[in-house]
PDB file of N, CA and C in Angstrom:
ATOM      1  N   MET A   1     -26.599  -7.665 -13.932  1.00  0.00           N
ATOM      2  CA  MET A   1     -24.990  -8.117 -14.460  1.00  0.00           C
ATOM      3  C   MET A   1     -24.553  -6.819 -14.773  1.00  0.00           C
ATOM      4  N   THR A   2     -23.424  -6.549 -14.358  1.00  0.00           N
ATOM      5  CA  THR A   2     -22.586  -5.128 -14.661  1.00  0.00           C
ATOM      6  C   THR A   2     -21.845  -5.110 -15.740  1.00  0.00           C
ATOM      7  N   ASP A   3     -21.790  -4.382 -16.687  1.00  0.00           N
ATOM      8  CA  ASP A   3     -21.010  -4.300 -17.775  1.00  0.00           C
ATOM      9  C   ASP A   3     -19.665  -3.703 -17.499  1.00  0.00           C
ATOM     10  N   GLU A   4     -18.426  -4.501 -17.738  1.00  0.00           N
ATOM     11  CA  GLU A   4     -17.177  -4.270 -17.208  1.00  0.00           C
ATOM     12  C   GLU A   4     -16.688  -2.845 -17.624  1.00  0.00           C
ATOM     13  N   THR A   5     -17.324  -2.284 -18.948  1.00  0.00           N
ATOM     14  CA  THR A   5     -16.601  -0.862 -19.354  1.00  0.00           C
ATOM     15  C   THR A   5     -17.244   0.068 -18.561  1.00  0.00           C
ATOM     16  N   ASP A   6     -18.220  -0.131 -17.453  1.00  0.00           N
ATOM     17  CA  ASP A   6     -18.809   0.745 -16.700  1.00  0.00           C
ATOM     18  C   ASP A   6     -17.989   0.818 -15.392  1.00  0.00           C
ATOM     19  N   TRP A   7     -17.149  -0.022 -15.381  1.00  0.00           N
ATOM     20  CA  TRP A   7     -16.102  -0.028 -14.198  1.00  0.00           C
ATOM     21  C   TRP A   7     -14.959   0.727 -14.370  1.00  0.00           C
ATOM     22  N   ASN A   8     -14.877   1.641 -13.452  1.00  0.00           N
ATOM     23  CA  ASN A   8     -13.475   2.775 -13.766  1.00  0.00           C
ATOM     24  C   ASN A   8     -12.895   2.918 -12.340  1.00  0.00           C
ATOM     25  N   GLU A   9     -11.807   2.167 -12.359  1.00  0.00           N
ATOM     26  CA  GLU A   9     -11.029   2.249 -10.832  1.00  0.00           C
ATOM     27  C   GLU A   9      -9.765   3.218 -10.961  1.00  0.00           C
ATOM     28  N   THR A  10      -9.396   4.142 -10.566  1.00  0.00           N
ATOM     29  CA  THR A  10      -8.465   4.991 -10.457  1.00  0.00           C
ATOM     30  C   THR A  10      -7.702   4.768  -9.043  1.00  0.00           C
ATOM     31  N   LEU A  11      -6.348   3.944  -9.167  1.00  0.00           N
ATOM     32  CA  LEU A  11      -5.598   3.963  -8.006  1.00  0.00           C
ATOM     33  C   LEU A  11      -4.161   4.613  -8.325  1.00  0.00           C
ATOM     34  N   VAL A  12      -3.973   5.480  -7.302  1.00  0.00           N
ATOM     35  CA  VAL A  12      -2.527   6.134  -6.883  1.00  0.00           C
ATOM     36  C   VAL A  12      -1.608   5.669  -5.934  1.00  0.00           C
ATOM     37  N   ASP A  13      -0.177   5.883  -6.306  1.00  0.00           N
ATOM     38  CA  ASP A  13       0.556   5.276  -5.269  1.00  0.00           C
ATOM     39  C   ASP A  13       0.674   6.730  -4.443  1.00  0.00           C
ATOM     40  N   LYS A  14       0.506   6.273  -3.000  1.00  0.00           N
ATOM     41  CA  LYS A  14       0.546   7.292  -2.087  1.00  0.00           C
ATOM     42  C   LYS A  14       1.363   6.585  -0.802  1.00  0.00           C
ATOM     43  N   LYS A  15       1.844   7.231   0.249  1.00  0.00           N
ATOM     44  CA  LYS A  15       2.174   6.763   1.343  1.00  0.00           C
ATOM     45  C   LYS A  15       0.980   7.274   2.530  1.00  0.00           C
ATOM     46  N   VAL A  16       0.558   6.069   3.115  1.00  0.00           N
ATOM     47  CA  VAL A  16      -0.404   5.960   3.887  1.00  0.00           C
ATOM     48  C   VAL A  16      -0.113   5.555   5.512  1.00  0.00           C
ATOM     49  N   THR A  17      -0.746   6.219   6.283  1.00  0.00           N
ATOM     50  CA  THR A  17      -0.812   5.639   7.796  1.00  0.00           C
ATOM     51  C   THR A  17      -1.699   4.552   7.873  1.00  0.00           C
ATOM     52  N   TYR A  18      -1.199   3.348   8.502  1.00  0.00           N
ATOM     53  CA  TYR A  18      -1.936   2.170   8.741  1.00  0.00           C
ATOM     54  C   TYR A  18      -2.132   1.980  10.314  1.00  0.00           C
ATOM     55  N   HIS A  19      -3.275   1.708  10.538  1.00  0.00           N
ATOM     56  CA  HIS A  19      -3.626   1.558  11.938  1.00  0.00           C
ATOM     57  C   HIS A  19      -4.287   0.061  12.104  1.00  0.00           C
ATOM     58  N   ILE A  20      -3.787  -0.690  13.375  1.00  0.00           N
ATOM     59  CA  ILE A  20      -4.471  -2.084  13.515  1.00  0.00           C
ATOM     60  C   ILE A  20      -4.327  -2.226  14.989  1.00  0.00           C
ATOM     61  N   GLU A  21      -5.540  -2.942  15.421  1.00  0.00           N
ATOM     62  CA  GLU A  21      -5.486  -3.299  16.988  1.00  0.00           C
ATOM     63  C   GLU A  21      -5.282  -4.711  16.841  1.00  0.00           C
ATOM     64  N   VAL A  22      -4.275  -5.291  17.802  1.00  0.00           N
ATOM     65  CA  VAL A  22      -3.693  -6.509  18.065  1.00  0.00           C
ATOM     66  C   VAL A  22      -3.853  -6.662  19.729  1.00  0.00           C
ATOM     67  N   ASN A  23      -4.807  -7.633  20.001  1.00  0.00           N
ATOM     68  CA  ASN A  23      -4.830  -7.995  21.527  1.00  0.00           C
ATOM     69  C   ASN A  23      -5.195  -6.479  22.306  1.00  0.00           C
ATOM     70  N   GLY A  24      -6.096  -5.790  22.039  1.00  0.00           N
ATOM     71  CA  GLY A  24      -6.092  -4.825  22.503  1.00  0.00           C
ATOM     72  C   GLY A  24      -5.195  -3.369  22.513  1.00  0.00           C
ATOM     73  N   ARG A  25      -4.242  -3.762  21.942  1.00  0.00           N
ATOM     74  CA  ARG A  25      -3.008  -2.709  21.555  1.00  0.00           C
ATOM     75  C   ARG A  25      -3.082  -2.318  20.371  1.00  0.00           C
ATOM     76  N   LEU A  26      -3.060  -0.803  20.089  1.00  0.00           N
ATOM     77  CA  LEU A  26      -3.334  -0.149  18.799  1.00  0.00           C
ATOM     78  C   LEU A  26      -1.882   0.091  18.359  1.00  0.00           C
ATOM     79  N   PHE A  27      -1.863  -0.356  17.282  1.00  0.00           N
ATOM     80  CA  PHE A  27      -0.300   0.140  16.352  1.00  0.00           C
ATOM     81  C   PHE A  27      -0.827   1.300  15.501  1.00  0.00           C
ATOM     82  N   VAL A  28       0.265   1.875  15.194  1.00  0.00           N
ATOM     83  CA  VAL A  28      -0.142   2.975  13.992  1.00  0.00           C
ATOM     84  C   VAL A  28       1.375   2.950  13.222  1.00  0.00           C
ATOM     85  N   ILE A  29       1.288   2.696  12.073  1.00  0.00           N
ATOM     86  CA  ILE A  29       2.507   2.496  11.130  1.00  0.00           C
ATOM     87  C   ILE A  29       2.607   3.550   9.992  1.00  0.00           C
ATOM     88  N   GLU A  30       3.170   4.531   9.874  1.00  0.00           N
ATOM     89  CA  GLU A  30       3.443   5.594   8.943  1.00  0.00           C
ATOM     90  C   GLU A  30       4.189   5.526   8.024  1.00  0.00           C
ATOM     91  N   ASN A  31       3.807   6.124   6.911  1.00  0.00           N
ATOM     92  CA  ASN A  31       4.472   6.132   5.472  1.00  0.00           C
ATOM     93  C   ASN A  31       4.716   4.789   4.911  1.00  0.00           C
ATOM     94  N   VAL A  32       3.419   4.152   4.861  1.00  0.00           N
ATOM     95  CA  VAL A  32       3.292   2.700   4.315  1.00  0.00           C
ATOM     96  C   VAL A  32       2.889   3.096   2.867  1.00  0.00           C
ATOM     97  N   PRO A  33       3.788   2.259   1.828  1.00  0.00           N
ATOM     98  CA  PRO A  33       3.354   2.402   0.522  1.00  0.00           C
ATOM     99  C   PRO A  33       2.247   1.583   0.109  1.00  0.00           C
ATOM    100  N   ALA A  34       1.027   2.372  -0.329  1.00  0.00           N
ATOM    101  CA  ALA A  34      -0.141   1.694  -0.936  1.00  0.00           C
ATOM    102  C   ALA A  34      -0.512   2.282  -1.988  1.00  0.00           C
ATOM    103  N   ARG A  35      -1.489   1.701  -2.730  1.00  0.00           N
ATOM    104  CA  ARG A  35      -2.111   1.952  -3.890  1.00  0.00           C
ATOM    105  C   ARG A  35      -3.699   2.314  -3.464  1.00  0.00           C
ATOM    106  N   VAL A  36      -3.835   3.558  -3.790  1.00  0.00           N
ATOM    107  CA  VAL A  36      -5.125   4.053  -3.023  1.00  0.00           C
ATOM    108  C   VAL A  36      -6.444   4.452  -4.209  1.00  0.00           C
ATOM    109  N   ASN A  37      -7.579   3.861  -3.963  1.00  0.00           N
ATOM    110  CA  ASN A  37      -8.355   4.118  -5.015  1.00  0.00           C
ATOM    111  C   ASN A  37      -8.942   5.568  -4.884  1.00  0.00           C
ATOM    112  N   VAL A  38      -8.932   6.172  -5.815  1.00  0.00           N
ATOM    113  CA  VAL A  38      -9.177   7.796  -5.707  1.00  0.00           C
ATOM    114  C   VAL A  38     -10.424   7.964  -5.210  1.00  0.00           C
ATOM    115  N   GLU A  39     -11.510   6.969  -5.832  1.00  0.00           N
ATOM    116  CA  GLU A  39     -13.111   7.101  -5.594  1.00  0.00           C
ATOM    117  C   GLU A  39     -13.458   6.602  -4.399  1.00  0.00           C
ATOM    118  N   THR A  40     -12.842   5.368  -3.679  1.00  0.00           N
ATOM    119  CA  THR A  40     -13.231   5.173  -2.538  1.00  0.00           C
ATOM    120  C   THR A  40     -12.645   5.428  -1.454  1.00  0.00           C
ATOM    121  N   GLY A  41     -11.228   5.556  -1.842  1.00  0.00           N
ATOM    122  CA  GLY A  41     -10.346   6.129  -0.672  1.00  0.00           C
ATOM    123  C   GLY A  41      -9.577   4.792  -0.210  1.00  0.00           C
ATOM    124  N   GLU A  42     -10.232   3.518  -0.591  1.00  0.00           N
ATOM    125  CA  GLU A  42      -9.749   2.143  -0.156  1.00  0.00           C
ATOM    126  C   GLU A  42      -8.272   2.133  -0.387  1.00  0.00           C
ATOM    127  N   TYR A  43      -7.463   1.294   0.475  1.00  0.00           N
ATOM    128  CA  TYR A  43      -5.908   1.042   0.261  1.00  0.00           C
ATOM    129  C   TYR A  43      -5.885  -0.540  -0.135  1.00  0.00           C
ATOM    130  N   HIS A  44      -4.811  -0.553  -0.947  1.00  0.00           N
ATOM    131  CA  HIS A  44      -4.209  -1.589  -1.323  1.00  0.00           C
ATOM    132  C   HIS A  44      -2.820  -2.012  -1.496  1.00  0.00           C
ATOM    133  N   PHE A  45      -2.495  -2.964  -0.533  1.00  0.00           N
ATOM    134  CA  PHE A  45      -1.040  -2.992  -0.371  1.00  0.00           C
ATOM    135  C   PHE A  45      -0.406  -4.367  -0.906  1.00  0.00           C
ATOM    136  N   SER A  46       0.707  -4.374  -1.328  1.00  0.00           N
ATOM    137  CA  SER A  46       1.515  -5.475  -2.201  1.00  0.00           C
ATOM    138  C   SER A  46       1.618  -6.668  -1.001  1.00  0.00           C
ATOM    139  N   PRO A  47       1.832  -7.764  -1.509  1.00  0.00           N
ATOM    140  CA  PRO A  47       2.115  -8.909  -0.720  1.00  0.00           C
ATOM    141  C   PRO A  47       3.398  -8.502   0.330  1.00  0.00           C
ATOM    142  N   ASP A  48       4.414  -7.978  -0.244  1.00  0.00           N
ATOM    143  CA  ASP A  48       5.681  -7.842   0.360  1.00  0.00           C
ATOM    144  C   ASP A  48       5.240  -6.586   1.537  1.00  0.00           C
ATOM    145  N   THR A  49       4.341  -5.529   1.265  1.00  0.00           N
ATOM    146  CA  THR A  49       4.383  -4.746   2.464  1.00  0.00           C
ATOM    147  C   THR A  49       3.252  -5.364   3.344  1.00  0.00           C
ATOM    148  N   VAL A  50       2.328  -6.182   3.058  1.00  0.00           N
ATOM    149  CA  VAL A  50       1.498  -6.986   4.189  1.00  0.00           C
ATOM    150  C   VAL A  50       2.594  -7.755   5.017  1.00  0.00           C
ATOM    151  N   GLU A  51       3.467  -8.289   4.185  1.00  0.00           N
ATOM    152  CA  GLU A  51       4.466  -9.374   5.255  1.00  0.00           C
ATOM    153  C   GLU A  51       5.375  -8.227   6.160  1.00  0.00           C
ATOM    154  N   ARG A  52       5.876  -6.969   5.674  1.00  0.00           N
ATOM    155  CA  ARG A  52       6.534  -6.019   6.345  1.00  0.00           C
ATOM    156  C   ARG A  52       5.737  -5.765   7.746  1.00  0.00           C
ATOM    157  N   LEU A  53       4.437  -5.318   7.393  1.00  0.00           N
ATOM    158  CA  LEU A  53       3.476  -4.721   8.165  1.00  0.00           C
ATOM    159  C   LEU A  53       3.325  -5.806   9.114  1.00  0.00           C
ATOM    160  N   GLN A  54       2.935  -6.826   9.103  1.00  0.00           N
ATOM    161  CA  GLN A  54       2.925  -8.154   9.986  1.00  0.00           C
ATOM    162  C   GLN A  54       4.066  -8.251  10.808  1.00  0.00           C
ATOM    163  N   LYS A  55       5.363  -8.107  10.176  1.00  0.00           N
ATOM    164  CA  LYS A  55       6.514  -8.168  10.955  1.00  0.00           C
ATOM    165  C   LYS A  55       7.014  -6.968  12.175  1.00  0.00           C
ATOM    166  N   ILE A  56       6.310  -6.022  11.406  1.00  0.00           N
ATOM    167  CA  ILE A  56       6.618  -4.831  12.489  1.00  0.00           C
ATOM    168  C   ILE A  56       5.927  -4.997  13.594  1.00  0.00           C
ATOM    169  N   VAL A  57       4.576  -5.352  13.505  1.00  0.00           N
ATOM    170  CA  VAL A  57       3.759  -5.668  14.535  1.00  0.00           C
ATOM    171  C   VAL A  57       4.135  -6.846  15.640  1.00  0.00           C
ATOM    172  N   ARG A  58       4.587  -7.791  14.864  1.00  0.00           N
ATOM    173  CA  ARG A  58       5.035  -9.407  15.616  1.00  0.00           C
ATOM    174  C   ARG A  58       6.379  -8.940  16.352  1.00  0.00           C
ATOM    175  N   GLU A  59       7.171  -8.056  15.826  1.00  0.00           N
ATOM    176  CA  GLU A  59       8.708  -7.906  16.723  1.00  0.00           C
ATOM    177  C   GLU A  59       8.455  -6.727  17.799  1.00  0.00           C
ATOM    178  N   ARG A  60       7.505  -5.829  17.526  1.00  0.00           N
ATOM    179  CA  ARG A  60       7.166  -5.049  18.525  1.00  0.00           C
ATOM    180  C   ARG A  60       8.687  -4.309  19.012  1.00  0.00           C
ATOM    181  N   ARG A  61       8.972  -3.709  17.699  1.00  0.00           N
ATOM    182  CA  ARG A  61      10.457  -2.963  18.247  1.00  0.00           C
ATOM    183  C   ARG A  61      10.392  -1.516  18.949  1.00  0.00           C
ATOM    184  N   SER A  62      11.186  -0.751  19.144  1.00  0.00           N
ATOM    185  CA  SER A  62      10.941   0.358  19.699  1.00  0.00           C
ATOM    186  C   SER A  62       9.893   1.477  18.844  1.00  0.00           C
ATOM    187  N   PRO A  63       9.086   2.081  19.215  1.00  0.00           N
ATOM    188  CA  PRO A  63       8.775   2.936  17.948  1.00  0.00           C
ATOM    189  C   PRO A  63       9.453   4.169  18.382  1.00  0.00           C
ATOM    190  N   VAL A  64       9.221   4.807  16.850  1.00  0.00           N
ATOM    191  CA  VAL A  64       9.883   6.076  16.595  1.00  0.00           C
ATOM    192  C   VAL A  64       9.422   7.342  17.709  1.00  0.00           C
ATOM    193  N   ARG A  65       8.113   7.219  18.106  1.00  0.00           N
ATOM    194  CA  ARG A  65       7.232   8.333  18.846  1.00  0.00           C
ATOM    195  C   ARG A  65       6.077   7.094  19.344  1.00  0.00           C
ATOM    196  N   THR A  66       5.502   7.912  20.204  1.00  0.00           N
ATOM    197  CA  THR A  66       4.449   7.183  20.910  1.00  0.00           C
ATOM    198  C   THR A  66       3.386   8.504  21.230  1.00  0.00           C
ATOM    199  N   ILE A  67       1.930   7.840  20.877  1.00  0.00           N
ATOM    200  CA  ILE A  67       0.743   8.975  20.911  1.00  0.00           C
ATOM    201  C   ILE A  67       0.048   8.580  22.145  1.00  0.00           C
ATOM    202  N   ARG A  68      -0.917   9.481  22.684  1.00  0.00           N
ATOM    203  CA  ARG A  68      -2.070   9.234  23.395  1.00  0.00           C
ATOM    204  C   ARG A  68      -3.197   9.230  22.658  1.00  0.00           C
ATOM    205  N   VAL A  69      -3.911   8.421  22.855  1.00  0.00           N
ATOM    206  CA  VAL A  69      -5.300   8.016  21.837  1.00  0.00           C
ATOM    207  C   VAL A  69      -6.429   8.083  22.927  1.00  0.00           C
ATOM    208  N   PRO A  70      -7.452   9.364  22.861  1.00  0.00           N
ATOM    209  CA  PRO A  70      -8.699   9.103  23.547  1.00  0.00           C
ATOM    210  C   PRO A  70      -9.411   8.105  23.023  1.00  0.00           C
ATOM    211  N   VAL A  71     -10.124   7.353  23.909  1.00  0.00           N
ATOM    212  CA  VAL A  71     -11.160   6.060  23.520  1.00  0.00           C
ATOM    213  C   VAL A  71     -12.549   6.270  23.875  1.00  0.00           C
ATOM    214  N   TYR A  72     -13.390   6.462  23.184  1.00  0.00           N
ATOM    215  CA  TYR A  72     -14.894   6.821  23.508  1.00  0.00           C
ATOM    216  C   TYR A  72     -15.545   5.742  23.284  1.00  0.00           C
ATOM    217  N   GLU A  73     -16.839   5.234  23.806  1.00  0.00           N
ATOM    218  CA  GLU A  73     -17.975   4.327  23.648  1.00  0.00           C
ATOM    219  C   GLU A  73     -18.906   4.863  22.815  1.00  0.00           C
ATOM    220  N   PHE A  74     -19.418   4.605  21.966  1.00  0.00           N
ATOM    221  CA  PHE A  74     -20.521   4.626  21.059  1.00  0.00           C
ATOM    222  C   PHE A  74     -21.734   4.903  21.592  1.00  0.00           C
ATOM    223  N   ALA A  75     -22.205   3.939  22.704  1.00  0.00           N
ATOM    224  CA  ALA A  75     -23.383   3.770  23.244  1.00  0.00           C
ATOM    225  C   ALA A  75     -23.873   5.109  23.628  1.00  0.00           C
TER     226      ALA A  75
END
C-alpha cells in the first residue's frame, strides 16, 4: 500500500500539440490548453477541451496548414 504523502504530482498549465488518428487519418491540433504533469509529461484535458477536440476532428474544417509526415514500419 502506498502512503498518500509519498505522492507528489506537479501539474502546470501549458499549450500542447495533440495528435490523434481516426480511420487512418492523422489529425494534429496545435495550441491545446492542458495541465501537464512535470514528472511524467502526461497531459490532462478539461472536459470542455475534450469536447472541442472531438468537434474539430468530427467537423473536418479546413486546416490552418498541412504537413507531410513520413511513416515507418517497426518490423
